[in-house]
Protein backbone atom coordinates (compact mmCIF):
# COMPACT_ATOMS: atom_id res chain seq x y z
CA MET A 1 98.21 77.92 136.32
CA LYS A 2 98.48 81.09 138.64
CA LEU A 3 95.63 81.84 141.14
CA LEU A 4 94.82 85.75 141.47
CA ASP A 5 94.67 86.98 144.67
CA GLN A 6 91.76 89.67 145.11
CA HIS A 7 93.77 92.34 144.40
CA GLU A 8 95.30 91.21 141.47
CA GLN A 9 92.41 89.86 139.84
CA HIS A 10 90.67 93.15 140.66
CA ASN A 11 93.42 94.77 138.66
CA THR A 12 93.56 92.37 135.97
CA GLU A 13 89.29 93.00 135.83
CA THR A 14 89.63 96.94 135.73
CA VAL A 15 92.53 96.41 132.81
CA LEU A 16 90.46 94.14 131.07
CA ALA A 17 87.31 96.17 131.42
CA ASP A 18 89.20 99.42 130.15
CA LYS A 19 90.35 96.95 126.66
CA LEU A 20 85.68 96.81 126.91
CA ASP A 21 83.20 98.77 125.91
CA SER A 22 79.75 97.64 127.78
CA ASN A 23 78.28 94.96 124.67
CA GLY A 24 82.10 93.40 126.10
CA GLU A 25 83.47 94.29 122.71
CA GLU A 26 87.08 95.21 122.31
CA LEU A 27 87.57 98.87 122.53
CA TYR A 28 90.25 100.77 119.82
CA THR A 29 92.82 103.59 120.63
CA PRO A 30 93.87 105.40 117.58
CA PRO A 31 97.36 107.37 118.34
CA VAL A 32 96.82 110.92 119.46
CA ASN A 33 96.36 113.37 116.36
CA PHE A 34 95.34 110.59 114.13
CA SER A 35 93.81 110.96 111.37
CA MET A 36 93.38 110.42 107.18
CA VAL A 37 95.44 111.81 104.92
CA ASP A 38 94.86 110.49 101.80
CA ASN A 39 93.51 106.76 100.62
CA GLY A 40 96.26 104.61 102.54
CA VAL A 41 97.87 107.25 103.81
CA PHE A 42 97.61 108.05 107.71
CA ARG A 43 99.20 110.25 110.19
CA SER A 44 99.08 110.35 114.23
CA GLY A 45 101.34 111.28 116.92
CA PHE A 46 103.38 108.11 118.80
CA PRO A 47 101.44 105.48 118.93
CA ASP A 48 101.99 103.27 122.14
CA SER A 49 101.20 99.87 123.13
CA ALA A 50 97.56 100.99 124.05
CA ASN A 51 97.15 102.09 120.49
CA PHE A 52 98.32 98.38 118.98
CA SER A 53 94.32 96.53 118.60
CA PHE A 54 93.81 100.32 116.70
CA ILE A 55 97.06 99.93 114.34
CA LYS A 56 96.12 96.25 113.49
CA THR A 57 92.82 97.72 112.09
CA LEU A 58 94.56 99.77 109.78
CA GLY A 59 96.27 96.70 107.97
CA LEU A 60 99.66 98.98 107.58
CA ARG A 61 102.65 97.76 105.43
CA SER A 62 104.68 101.01 106.32
CA ILE A 63 105.25 103.00 109.50
CA VAL A 64 107.34 106.58 108.90
CA TYR A 65 109.00 108.25 111.91
CA LEU A 66 109.98 111.71 111.93
CA CYS A 67 112.21 111.78 115.33
CA PRO A 68 115.84 110.32 114.97
CA GLU A 69 115.31 109.41 118.99
CA PRO A 70 115.98 104.79 118.16
CA TYR A 71 111.90 103.66 118.16
CA PRO A 72 111.11 101.43 121.66
CA GLU A 73 112.09 98.10 121.46
CA HIS A 74 108.08 97.47 122.62
CA ASN A 75 107.27 99.05 118.87
CA ILE A 76 109.52 97.20 116.88
CA GLU A 77 108.43 93.61 118.22
CA PHE A 78 104.72 95.19 117.80
CA LEU A 79 106.08 95.71 113.75
CA LYS A 80 107.57 92.75 113.25
CA ALA A 81 104.92 90.68 114.37
CA ASN A 82 102.02 92.31 112.03
CA ARG A 83 105.13 92.27 109.60
CA ILE A 84 104.44 96.66 109.19
CA HIS A 85 108.69 98.30 108.04
CA LEU A 86 109.39 100.93 109.99
CA PHE A 87 111.38 103.42 107.90
CA GLN A 88 112.69 106.24 109.48
CA PHE A 89 113.88 109.61 109.24
CA GLY A 90 114.91 111.49 112.21
CA ILE A 91 113.92 114.95 111.62
CA GLU A 92 114.69 117.13 114.64
CA GLY A 93 111.61 119.21 116.32
CA THR A 94 111.71 122.44 116.43
CA LYS A 95 108.91 125.48 117.27
CA GLU A 96 110.42 127.89 114.36
CA PRO A 97 109.12 128.32 111.75
CA PHE A 98 111.14 127.34 109.78
CA VAL A 99 113.31 123.75 109.68
CA ASN A 100 116.46 123.40 107.65
CA ILE A 101 115.08 119.59 106.64
CA PRO A 102 118.36 118.03 104.50
CA GLU A 103 116.76 117.90 100.83
CA THR A 104 117.62 114.61 99.98
CA THR A 105 116.09 113.51 103.81
CA ILE A 106 112.50 115.15 101.76
CA ARG A 107 113.01 113.40 98.84
CA GLU A 108 113.27 110.04 100.69
CA ALA A 109 110.40 109.98 103.02
CA LEU A 110 108.46 111.67 99.71
CA GLN A 111 109.39 108.15 97.92
CA VAL A 112 108.45 106.27 100.22
CA VAL A 113 105.31 107.81 101.24
CA LEU A 114 103.81 108.39 97.19
CA ASP A 115 105.49 103.97 96.62
CA VAL A 116 101.83 102.27 97.29
CA ASN A 117 103.87 99.03 97.00
CA ASN A 118 104.54 100.66 100.82
CA HIS A 119 100.33 101.37 101.69
CA PRO A 120 98.48 101.58 103.59
CA LEU A 121 101.77 103.49 105.63
CA LEU A 122 101.23 105.49 108.69
CA ILE A 123 103.12 109.14 109.16
CA HIS A 124 104.30 109.85 112.29
CA CYS A 125 106.50 111.97 114.79
CA LYS A 126 105.41 112.30 118.64
CA ARG A 127 102.68 114.83 118.76
CA GLY A 128 101.69 114.40 115.33
CA LYS A 129 102.52 117.71 114.08
CA VAL A 130 105.44 117.82 112.27
């Protein structure tokens, strides 16, 4: 057992206090731009470890990731631990009003989203605005 010095103990207490409300209940932080689209379908910006407790409450079966970048390893470990399947559709983001997304990619993503066996699911990009 490691004894914490005063500085480490203060930092640990601060981190734990940030995750608890005034009654000692765990706080749940949704990812940025989180919203329910329909029953069993949610959308958000990129979730990080601060959002994992909240995401667990959703009972997700699947995540639809719309970015081309690799999914971070700590997120993959969270998905594995919670038996959440990751579907990635690498859509390039742009600020232009019209983005040329291949029709096959759209069809494949819609198949995943419309299949109730994948629900509940979370669709996300970086900021939750795709």
